Amino acid sequence: MNGIAFIGFGEAAQAFAGHVPARVYDVKAERRAEAAGRGVESRDSAADALKGARAILSLVTADQALAVAKDYAASLEPGALWFDMNSVAPDTKREAALAIEAAGGRYVDVAVMSPVYPAQLGVPLLVSGPHAEAGAETLRAIGFSKVRVVPGDVGRASSIKMIRSVMVKGLEALTTECVLAADAAGVLDEVIASLNASWPGTDWAEKTDYNLDRMMIHGLRRSAEMYESSQTLLGLGISPMMTEGTVNWQQGIGELGLAAPDGLSAKLEAIKARRKELGA
């Protein structure tokens, strides 16, 4: 399919763009250079990338999702499909939809329901809104193989994603809090063994290692996403007490700026060393 543009060239766009003949624009020059280095057509302005595009995949950080919809709406071709694939609250998507529709575009709420690696174009997608059927057809033509329409207005797909993240990212934060405390108390092996006994079939050392890995690599992005989850809950009249803790833990681990070494013990040692270095 021709006439495809990506806004943003982070992890998700990198996972998709190599399989799709598309133009890319990212506000960061180094990301545009990276796209070009990967053989992806990169443009130096959003207007240039969007010129003639019939399908636009918005894949930016959560805090920029609304801004790019508002800023770039005027550059859309009439009837172009704007796929908002960002992890933001339903109200944020509804506001973005107003900007896109006012400019003559067609807004599609898309929820990316699992990590983009290793699935890439096989990642499960939920789509909703008045243009969901047309959007789903276009996404399949692009090459996405697991696209499902969820009936309802803009915000329904993102509600599923944001509320699910309360559990998924919350478990990341909870297991991290648990093992950091257990390690500090010198009882990590005992705590892990007790958890394994309580949940037969679950290797809690392996699970926690994976969760901490995600936080070390993506903590800052996940923190922004979980802020949006907290706004989702507030909009539903639910106090986001646990989710606000998740925001803090994701941000706190992400701000350490650490690579993720192999193995839980190595990760814990890296965190302790970095905190000591920072005087925390």
C-alpha atoms as a PDB file:
ATOM      1  CA  MET A   1       0.000   0.000   0.000  1.00  0.00           C
ATOM      2  CA  ASN A   2       1.342   3.430  -0.941  1.00  0.00           C
ATOM      3  CA  GLY A   3       0.852   6.777   0.771  1.00  0.00           C
ATOM      4  CA  ILE A   4       1.840   5.781   4.316  1.00  0.00           C
ATOM      5  CA  ALA A   5       3.529   8.098   6.805  1.00  0.00           C
ATOM      6  CA  PHE A   6       4.884   7.497  10.286  1.00  0.00           C
ATOM      7  CA  ILE A   7       4.988  10.286  12.840  1.00  0.00           C
ATOM      8  CA  GLY A   8       7.662   9.356  15.352  1.00  0.00           C
ATOM      9  CA  PHE A   9      10.472   6.829  14.980  1.00  0.00           C
ATOM     10  CA  GLY A  10      10.707   5.233  18.408  1.00  0.00           C
ATOM     11  CA  GLU A  11      10.590   1.533  19.225  1.00  0.00           C
ATOM     12  CA  ALA A  12       7.139   0.861  17.768  1.00  0.00           C
ATOM     13  CA  ALA A  13       7.747   2.711  14.511  1.00  0.00           C
ATOM     14  CA  GLN A  14      11.098   0.973  14.139  1.00  0.00           C
ATOM     15  CA  ALA A  15       9.376  -2.392  14.578  1.00  0.00           C
ATOM     16  CA  PHE A  16       6.838  -1.593  11.851  1.00  0.00           C
ATOM     17  CA  ALA A  17       8.533   0.702   9.341  1.00  0.00           C
ATOM     18  CA  GLY A  18      11.057  -1.794   8.037  1.00  0.00           C
ATOM     19  CA  HIS A  19       8.189  -3.888   6.667  1.00  0.00           C
ATOM     20  CA  VAL A  20       6.195  -1.017   5.174  1.00  0.00           C
ATOM     21  CA  PRO A  21       7.024   1.361   2.294  1.00  0.00           C
ATOM     22  CA  ALA A  22       6.480   4.580   4.216  1.00  0.00           C
ATOM     23  CA  ARG A  23       7.817   8.055   4.879  1.00  0.00           C
ATOM     24  CA  VAL A  24       8.927   8.935   8.399  1.00  0.00           C
ATOM     25  CA  TYR A  25       9.126  12.165  10.324  1.00  0.00           C
ATOM     26  CA  ASP A  26      10.490  12.480  13.847  1.00  0.00           C
ATOM     27  CA  VAL A  27      11.059  15.767  15.644  1.00  0.00           C
ATOM     28  CA  LYS A  28      14.538  14.529  16.633  1.00  0.00           C
ATOM     29  CA  ALA A  29      17.142  14.822  13.888  1.00  0.00           C
ATOM     30  CA  GLU A  30      19.021  11.781  15.196  1.00  0.00           C
ATOM     31  CA  ARG A  31      15.894   9.654  14.850  1.00  0.00           C
ATOM     32  CA  ARG A  32      15.411  10.858  11.265  1.00  0.00           C
ATOM     33  CA  ALA A  33      19.018   9.932  10.552  1.00  0.00           C
ATOM     34  CA  GLU A  34      18.471   6.535  12.143  1.00  0.00           C
ATOM     35  CA  ALA A  35      15.455   5.949   9.913  1.00  0.00           C
ATOM     36  CA  ALA A  36      17.467   6.840   6.833  1.00  0.00           C
ATOM     37  CA  GLY A  37      20.247   4.540   8.009  1.00  0.00           C
ATOM     38  CA  ARG A  38      17.751   1.690   8.161  1.00  0.00           C
ATOM     39  CA  GLY A  39      16.651   2.316   4.606  1.00  0.00           C
ATOM     40  CA  VAL A  40      13.413   4.049   5.596  1.00  0.00           C
ATOM     41  CA  GLU A  41      12.469   7.197   3.676  1.00  0.00           C
ATOM     42  CA  SER A  42      12.943  10.073   6.119  1.00  0.00           C
ATOM     43  CA  ARG A  43      11.633  13.626   5.737  1.00  0.00           C
ATOM     44  CA  ASP A  44      12.796  16.787   7.465  1.00  0.00           C
ATOM     45  CA  SER A  45       9.332  18.177   8.160  1.00  0.00           C
ATOM     46  CA  ALA A  46       5.983  16.767   9.142  1.00  0.00           C
ATOM     47  CA  ALA A  47       4.286  18.602   6.278  1.00  0.00           C
ATOM     48  CA  ASP A  48       6.610  16.924   3.786  1.00  0.00           C
ATOM     49  CA  ALA A  49       6.027  13.489   5.297  1.00  0.00           C
ATOM     50  CA  LEU A  50       2.257  13.960   5.304  1.00  0.00           C
ATOM     51  CA  LYS A  51       1.988  15.297   1.766  1.00  0.00           C
ATOM     52  CA  GLY A  52      -0.065  12.794  -0.232  1.00  0.00           C
ATOM     53  CA  ALA A  53      -0.273  10.339   2.680  1.00  0.00           C
ATOM     54  CA  ARG A  54      -3.570   8.471   2.967  1.00  0.00           C
ATOM     55  CA  ALA A  55      -2.649   6.588   6.154  1.00  0.00           C
ATOM     56  CA  ILE A  56      -0.704   8.159   9.013  1.00  0.00           C
ATOM     57  CA  LEU A  57       0.518   6.115  11.971  1.00  0.00           C
ATOM     58  CA  SER A  58       1.090   8.348  14.995  1.00  0.00           C
ATOM     59  CA  LEU A  59       3.664   6.626  17.214  1.00  0.00           C
ATOM     60  CA  VAL A  60       5.058   9.239  19.574  1.00  0.00           C
ATOM     61  CA  THR A  61       5.474   9.461  23.334  1.00  0.00           C
ATOM     62  CA  ALA A  62       2.263   9.648  25.354  1.00  0.00           C
ATOM     63  CA  ASP A  63       2.857  13.269  26.339  1.00  0.00           C
ATOM     64  CA  GLN A  64       3.115  14.308  22.668  1.00  0.00           C
ATOM     65  CA  ALA A  65       0.168  12.384  21.201  1.00  0.00           C
ATOM     66  CA  LEU A  66      -2.330  15.237  21.470  1.00  0.00           C
ATOM     67  CA  ALA A  67       0.177  17.897  20.451  1.00  0.00           C
ATOM     68  CA  VAL A  68       1.130  16.202  17.177  1.00  0.00           C
ATOM     69  CA  ALA A  69      -2.536  15.653  16.283  1.00  0.00           C
ATOM     70  CA  LYS A  70      -3.237  19.354  16.782  1.00  0.00           C
ATOM     71  CA  ASP A  71      -0.011  20.596  15.202  1.00  0.00           C
ATOM     72  CA  TYR A  72      -0.086  18.402  12.089  1.00  0.00           C
ATOM     73  CA  ALA A  73      -3.819  18.194  11.386  1.00  0.00           C
ATOM     74  CA  ALA A  74      -3.653  21.101   8.930  1.00  0.00           C
ATOM     75  CA  SER A  75      -1.146  19.159   6.788  1.00  0.00           C
ATOM     76  CA  LEU A  76      -3.444  16.177   6.259  1.00  0.00           C
ATOM     77  CA  GLU A  77      -4.893  15.252   2.899  1.00  0.00           C
ATOM     78  CA  PRO A  78      -8.719  15.326   2.901  1.00  0.00           C
ATOM     79  CA  GLY A  79     -10.045  11.989   4.108  1.00  0.00           C
ATOM     80  CA  ALA A  80      -6.655  10.722   5.280  1.00  0.00           C
ATOM     81  CA  LEU A  81      -6.789   8.150   8.065  1.00  0.00           C
ATOM     82  CA  TRP A  82      -4.974   9.207  11.237  1.00  0.00           C
ATOM     83  CA  PHE A  83      -4.152   6.105  13.285  1.00  0.00           C
ATOM     84  CA  ASP A  84      -3.522   7.229  16.852  1.00  0.00           C
ATOM     85  CA  MET A  85      -1.557   4.255  18.171  1.00  0.00           C
ATOM     86  CA  ASN A  86      -0.307   6.024  21.286  1.00  0.00           C
ATOM     87  CA  SER A  87      -0.932   4.857  24.839  1.00  0.00           C
ATOM     88  CA  VAL A  88      -3.067   7.701  26.136  1.00  0.00           C
ATOM     89  CA  ALA A  89      -6.329   8.206  28.022  1.00  0.00           C
ATOM     90  CA  PRO A  90      -9.658   8.064  26.167  1.00  0.00           C
ATOM     91  CA  ASP A  91     -10.287  11.757  26.820  1.00  0.00           C
ATOM     92  CA  THR A  92      -6.912  12.585  25.258  1.00  0.00           C
ATOM     93  CA  LYS A  93      -7.836  10.589  22.164  1.00  0.00           C
ATOM     94  CA  ARG A  94     -11.241  12.204  21.934  1.00  0.00           C
ATOM     95  CA  GLU A  95      -9.620  15.649  21.991  1.00  0.00           C
ATOM     96  CA  ALA A  96      -7.125  14.584  19.331  1.00  0.00           C
ATOM     97  CA  ALA A  97      -9.985  13.238  17.221  1.00  0.00           C
ATOM     98  CA  LEU A  98     -11.699  16.630  17.273  1.00  0.00           C
ATOM     99  CA  ALA A  99      -8.572  18.260  15.816  1.00  0.00           C
ATOM    100  CA  ILE A 100      -8.124  15.640  13.100  1.00  0.00           C
ATOM    101  CA  GLU A 101     -11.788  15.573  12.076  1.00  0.00           C
ATOM    102  CA  ALA A 102     -12.008  19.392  12.014  1.00  0.00           C
ATOM    103  CA  ALA A 103      -9.155  19.401   9.495  1.00  0.00           C
ATOM    104  CA  GLY A 104     -10.921  16.903   7.215  1.00  0.00           C
ATOM    105  CA  GLY A 105      -9.067  13.792   8.344  1.00  0.00           C
ATOM    106  CA  ARG A 106     -10.500  10.529   9.655  1.00  0.00           C
ATOM    107  CA  TYR A 107      -9.395   9.594  13.166  1.00  0.00           C
ATOM    108  CA  VAL A 108      -8.977   5.977  14.287  1.00  0.00           C
ATOM    109  CA  ASP A 109      -8.397   5.013  17.916  1.00  0.00           C
ATOM    110  CA  VAL A 110      -5.838   2.175  17.926  1.00  0.00           C
ATOM    111  CA  ALA A 111      -4.648   0.252  20.990  1.00  0.00           C
ATOM    112  CA  VAL A 112      -1.424  -1.758  20.694  1.00  0.00           C
ATOM    113  CA  MET A 113      -2.039  -4.674  23.026  1.00  0.00           C
ATOM    114  CA  SER A 114       1.386  -6.291  23.460  1.00  0.00           C
ATOM    115  CA  PRO A 115       5.095  -5.464  23.107  1.00  0.00           C
ATOM    116  CA  VAL A 116       5.999  -4.724  19.486  1.00  0.00           C
ATOM    117  CA  TYR A 117       8.974  -7.081  19.633  1.00  0.00           C
ATOM    118  CA  PRO A 118       9.153  -9.784  18.550  1.00  0.00           C
ATOM    119  CA  ALA A 119       5.641  -9.626  17.041  1.00  0.00           C
ATOM    120  CA  GLN A 120       6.181  -6.545  14.814  1.00  0.00           C
ATOM    121  CA  LEU A 121       3.293  -6.499  12.301  1.00  0.00           C
ATOM    122  CA  GLY A 122       1.779  -9.449  14.152  1.00  0.00           C
ATOM    123  CA  VAL A 123       1.132  -7.361  17.253  1.00  0.00           C
ATOM    124  CA  PRO A 124      -2.548  -7.439  18.339  1.00  0.00           C
ATOM    125  CA  LEU A 125      -4.368  -4.177  17.564  1.00  0.00           C
ATOM    126  CA  LEU A 126      -7.784  -3.008  18.739  1.00  0.00           C
ATOM    127  CA  VAL A 127      -9.493  -0.225  16.780  1.00  0.00           C
ATOM    128  CA  SER A 128     -12.568   1.821  17.556  1.00  0.00           C
ATOM    129  CA  GLY A 129     -14.424   4.926  16.458  1.00  0.00           C
ATOM    130  CA  PRO A 130     -16.617   5.870  13.487  1.00  0.00           C
ATOM    131  CA  HIS A 131     -13.866   4.999  10.993  1.00  0.00           C
ATOM    132  CA  ALA A 132     -12.837   1.757  12.668  1.00  0.00           C
ATOM    133  CA  GLU A 133     -13.929  -0.560   9.842  1.00  0.00           C
ATOM    134  CA  ALA A 134     -12.150   1.475   7.177  1.00  0.00           C
ATOM    135  CA  GLY A 135      -9.174   1.770   9.485  1.00  0.00           C
ATOM    136  CA  ALA A 136      -9.015  -1.961  10.131  1.00  0.00           C
ATOM    137  CA  GLU A 137      -9.145  -2.693   6.399  1.00  0.00           C
ATOM    138  CA  THR A 138      -6.289  -0.266   5.793  1.00  0.00           C
ATOM    139  CA  LEU A 139      -4.178  -1.653   8.632  1.00  0.00           C
ATOM    140  CA  ARG A 140      -4.571  -5.146   7.213  1.00  0.00           C
ATOM    141  CA  ALA A 141      -3.574  -3.877   3.770  1.00  0.00           C
ATOM    142  CA  ILE A 142      -0.454  -2.357   5.333  1.00  0.00           C
ATOM    143  CA  GLY A 143       0.415  -5.797   6.698  1.00  0.00           C
ATOM    144  CA  PHE A 144      -0.884  -5.943  10.263  1.00  0.00           C
ATOM    145  CA  SER A 145      -2.259  -9.431  10.765  1.00  0.00           C
ATOM    146  CA  LYS A 146      -4.101  -9.207  14.104  1.00  0.00           C
ATOM    147  CA  VAL A 147      -6.552  -6.318  13.879  1.00  0.00           C
ATOM    148  CA  ARG A 148      -9.876  -6.398  15.706  1.00  0.00           C
ATOM    149  CA  VAL A 149     -12.631  -3.796  15.675  1.00  0.00           C
ATOM    150  CA  VAL A 150     -14.223  -3.139  19.055  1.00  0.00           C
ATOM    151  CA  PRO A 151     -17.639  -1.511  18.592  1.00  0.00           C
ATOM    152  CA  GLY A 152     -17.975   1.939  20.061  1.00  0.00           C
ATOM    153  CA  ASP A 153     -16.749   5.480  19.785  1.00  0.00           C
ATOM    154  CA  VAL A 154     -13.226   6.872  19.932  1.00  0.00           C
ATOM    155  CA  GLY A 155     -11.875   6.008  23.363  1.00  0.00           C
ATOM    156  CA  ARG A 156     -13.191   2.461  23.655  1.00  0.00           C
ATOM    157  CA  ALA A 157     -10.032   0.782  22.348  1.00  0.00           C
ATOM    158  CA  SER A 158      -7.833   3.034  24.451  1.00  0.00           C
ATOM    159  CA  SER A 159      -9.974   2.332  27.546  1.00  0.00           C
ATOM    160  CA  ILE A 160      -9.205  -1.375  27.190  1.00  0.00           C
ATOM    161  CA  LYS A 161      -5.500  -0.667  26.800  1.00  0.00           C
ATOM    162  CA  MET A 162      -5.222   1.856  29.622  1.00  0.00           C
ATOM    163  CA  ILE A 163      -7.170  -0.190  32.139  1.00  0.00           C
ATOM    164  CA  ARG A 164      -5.254  -3.349  31.250  1.00  0.00           C
ATOM    165  CA  SER A 165      -2.016  -1.424  31.833  1.00  0.00           C
ATOM    166  CA  VAL A 166      -3.087  -0.789  35.436  1.00  0.00           C
ATOM    167  CA  MET A 167      -2.471  -4.489  35.992  1.00  0.00           C
ATOM    168  CA  VAL A 168       0.413  -5.180  33.599  1.00  0.00           C
ATOM    169  CA  LYS A 169       2.621  -2.200  34.435  1.00  0.00           C
ATOM    170  CA  GLY A 170       1.407  -2.281  38.036  1.00  0.00           C
ATOM    171  CA  LEU A 171       2.757  -5.817  38.415  1.00  0.00           C
ATOM    172  CA  GLU A 172       6.086  -4.603  37.044  1.00  0.00           C
ATOM    173  CA  ALA A 173       6.237  -1.939  39.740  1.00  0.00           C
ATOM    174  CA  LEU A 174       4.991  -4.248  42.496  1.00  0.00           C
ATOM    175  CA  THR A 175       7.506  -7.002  41.777  1.00  0.00           C
ATOM    176  CA  THR A 176      10.295  -4.433  41.623  1.00  0.00           C
ATOM    177  CA  GLU A 177       9.311  -2.957  44.983  1.00  0.00           C
ATOM    178  CA  CYS A 178       9.160  -6.462  46.442  1.00  0.00           C
ATOM    179  CA  VAL A 179      12.560  -7.687  45.245  1.00  0.00           C
ATOM    180  CA  LEU A 180      14.374  -4.446  46.067  1.00  0.00           C
ATOM    181  CA  ALA A 181      13.099  -4.714  49.635  1.00  0.00           C
ATOM    182  CA  ALA A 182      13.891  -8.424  49.826  1.00  0.00           C
ATOM    183  CA  ASP A 183      17.398  -7.823  48.503  1.00  0.00           C
ATOM    184  CA  ALA A 184      17.991  -4.974  50.965  1.00  0.00           C
ATOM    185  CA  ALA A 185      16.868  -7.250  53.824  1.00  0.00           C
ATOM    186  CA  GLY A 186      19.078 -10.110  52.618  1.00  0.00           C
ATOM    187  CA  VAL A 187      16.125 -12.469  52.158  1.00  0.00           C
ATOM    188  CA  LEU A 188      15.665 -12.413  48.373  1.00  0.00           C
ATOM    189  CA  ASP A 189      16.087 -16.170  47.885  1.00  0.00           C
ATOM    190  CA  GLU A 190      13.577 -16.937  50.642  1.00  0.00           C
ATOM    191  CA  VAL A 191      10.991 -14.509  49.285  1.00  0.00           C
ATOM    192  CA  ILE A 192      11.331 -15.843  45.732  1.00  0.00           C
ATOM    193  CA  ALA A 193      11.023 -19.427  46.986  1.00  0.00           C
ATOM    194  CA  SER A 194       7.901 -18.529  48.968  1.00  0.00           C
ATOM    195  CA  LEU A 195       6.311 -16.841  45.952  1.00  0.00           C
ATOM    196  CA  ASN A 196       7.100 -19.852  43.765  1.00  0.00           C
ATOM    197  CA  ALA A 197       5.448 -22.123  46.336  1.00  0.00           C
ATOM    198  CA  SER A 198       2.347 -19.927  46.467  1.00  0.00           C
ATOM    199  CA  TRP A 199       1.992 -19.741  42.669  1.00  0.00           C
ATOM    200  CA  PRO A 200       3.040 -23.155  41.313  1.00  0.00           C
ATOM    201  CA  GLY A 201       4.215 -22.955  37.725  1.00  0.00           C
ATOM    202  CA  THR A 202       5.447 -19.370  38.015  1.00  0.00           C
ATOM    203  CA  ASP A 203       9.166 -18.655  38.192  1.00  0.00           C
ATOM    204  CA  TRP A 204       9.110 -15.387  40.120  1.00  0.00           C
ATOM    205  CA  ALA A 205      12.828 -14.726  39.697  1.00  0.00           C
ATOM    206  CA  GLU A 206      12.445 -15.007  35.929  1.00  0.00           C
ATOM    207  CA  LYS A 207       9.213 -12.993  35.914  1.00  0.00           C
ATOM    208  CA  THR A 208      10.687 -10.239  38.073  1.00  0.00           C
ATOM    209  CA  ASP A 209      13.851 -10.158  35.999  1.00  0.00           C
ATOM    210  CA  TYR A 210      11.738  -9.560  32.876  1.00  0.00           C
ATOM    211  CA  ASN A 211       9.583  -6.920  34.577  1.00  0.00           C
ATOM    212  CA  LEU A 212      12.612  -5.042  35.873  1.00  0.00           C
ATOM    213  CA  ASP A 213      14.220  -5.279  32.451  1.00  0.00           C
ATOM    214  CA  ARG A 214      11.206  -3.509  30.909  1.00  0.00           C
ATOM    215  CA  MET A 215      11.312  -0.783  33.544  1.00  0.00           C
ATOM    216  CA  MET A 216      15.037  -0.134  33.177  1.00  0.00           C
ATOM    217  CA  ILE A 217      14.759   0.173  29.405  1.00  0.00           C
ATOM    218  CA  HIS A 218      11.322   1.781  29.043  1.00  0.00           C
ATOM    219  CA  GLY A 219      10.545   3.199  32.488  1.00  0.00           C
ATOM    220  CA  LEU A 220      10.232   6.818  31.413  1.00  0.00           C
ATOM    221  CA  ARG A 221       7.909   5.984  28.533  1.00  0.00           C
ATOM    222  CA  ARG A 222       5.916   3.620  30.738  1.00  0.00           C
ATOM    223  CA  SER A 223       5.640   6.325  33.408  1.00  0.00           C
ATOM    224  CA  ALA A 224       4.046   8.683  30.880  1.00  0.00           C
ATOM    225  CA  GLU A 225       1.689   5.905  29.782  1.00  0.00           C
ATOM    226  CA  MET A 226       0.707   5.140  33.360  1.00  0.00           C
ATOM    227  CA  TYR A 227      -0.021   8.798  34.000  1.00  0.00           C
ATOM    228  CA  GLU A 228      -2.545   8.467  31.183  1.00  0.00           C
ATOM    229  CA  SER A 229      -3.924   5.352  32.871  1.00  0.00           C
ATOM    230  CA  SER A 230      -4.372   7.369  36.061  1.00  0.00           C
ATOM    231  CA  GLN A 231      -6.286   9.990  34.079  1.00  0.00           C
ATOM    232  CA  THR A 232      -8.434   7.229  32.607  1.00  0.00           C
ATOM    233  CA  LEU A 233      -9.353   6.041  36.097  1.00  0.00           C
ATOM    234  CA  LEU A 234     -10.070   9.556  37.318  1.00  0.00           C
ATOM    235  CA  GLY A 235     -12.387  10.059  34.370  1.00  0.00           C
ATOM    236  CA  LEU A 236     -14.293   6.971  35.490  1.00  0.00           C
ATOM    237  CA  GLY A 237     -14.541   8.147  39.088  1.00  0.00           C
ATOM    238  CA  ILE A 238     -11.952   5.607  40.301  1.00  0.00           C
ATOM    239  CA  SER A 239      -9.143   6.797  42.558  1.00  0.00           C
ATOM    240  CA  PRO A 240      -5.810   5.777  40.960  1.00  0.00           C
ATOM    241  CA  MET A 241      -4.014   5.134  44.241  1.00  0.00           C
ATOM    242  CA  MET A 242      -2.096   2.087  43.059  1.00  0.00           C
ATOM    243  CA  THR A 243      -1.543   3.454  39.580  1.00  0.00           C
ATOM    244  CA  GLU A 244       0.044   6.639  40.912  1.00  0.00           C
ATOM    245  CA  GLY A 245       2.544   4.418  42.724  1.00  0.00           C
ATOM    246  CA  THR A 246       3.221   2.664  39.436  1.00  0.00           C
ATOM    247  CA  VAL A 247       3.901   6.031  37.785  1.00  0.00           C
ATOM    248  CA  ASN A 248       6.465   6.822  40.488  1.00  0.00           C
ATOM    249  CA  TRP A 249       8.230   3.466  40.302  1.00  0.00           C
ATOM    250  CA  GLN A 250       8.393   3.434  36.502  1.00  0.00           C
ATOM    251  CA  GLN A 251       9.804   6.953  36.490  1.00  0.00           C
ATOM    252  CA  GLY A 252      12.213   6.275  39.332  1.00  0.00           C
ATOM    253  CA  ILE A 253      13.752   3.214  37.668  1.00  0.00           C
ATOM    254  CA  GLY A 254      13.777   4.840  34.235  1.00  0.00           C
ATOM    255  CA  GLU A 255      15.527   7.960  35.541  1.00  0.00           C
ATOM    256  CA  LEU A 256      18.467   5.872  36.738  1.00  0.00           C
ATOM    257  CA  GLY A 257      19.519   5.714  33.094  1.00  0.00           C
ATOM    258  CA  LEU A 258      20.830   2.173  33.327  1.00  0.00           C
ATOM    259  CA  ALA A 259      21.284  -0.468  30.683  1.00  0.00           C
ATOM    260  CA  ALA A 260      19.641  -3.750  31.660  1.00  0.00           C
ATOM    261  CA  PRO A 261      22.302  -6.407  32.403  1.00  0.00           C
ATOM    262  CA  ASP A 262      21.386 -10.076  32.124  1.00  0.00           C
ATOM    263  CA  GLY A 263      19.943 -11.675  35.231  1.00  0.00           C
ATOM    264  CA  LEU A 264      18.009 -10.428  38.239  1.00  0.00           C
ATOM    265  CA  SER A 265      21.033 -10.299  40.556  1.00  0.00           C
ATOM    266  CA  ALA A 266      23.008  -8.220  38.068  1.00  0.00           C
ATOM    267  CA  LYS A 267      20.111  -5.791  37.697  1.00  0.00           C
ATOM    268  CA  LEU A 268      19.765  -5.374  41.441  1.00  0.00           C
ATOM    269  CA  GLU A 269      23.504  -4.764  41.797  1.00  0.00           C
ATOM    270  CA  ALA A 270      23.404  -2.165  39.024  1.00  0.00           C
ATOM    271  CA  ILE A 271      20.512  -0.365  40.705  1.00  0.00           C
ATOM    272  CA  LYS A 272      22.247  -0.375  44.096  1.00  0.00           C
ATOM    273  CA  ALA A 273      25.463   0.950  42.589  1.00  0.00           C
ATOM    274  CA  ARG A 274      23.656   3.686  40.692  1.00  0.00           C
ATOM    275  CA  ARG A 275      21.680   4.764  43.745  1.00  0.00           C
ATOM    276  CA  LYS A 276      24.863   4.891  45.808  1.00  0.00           C
ATOM    277  CA  GLU A 277      26.461   6.990  43.097  1.00  0.00           C
ATOM    278  CA  LEU A 278      23.509   9.384  43.199  1.00  0.00           C
ATOM    279  CA  GLY A 279      23.479   9.454  46.996  1.00  0.00           C
ATOM    280  CA  ALA A 280      19.965   8.028  47.090  1.00  0.00           C
END
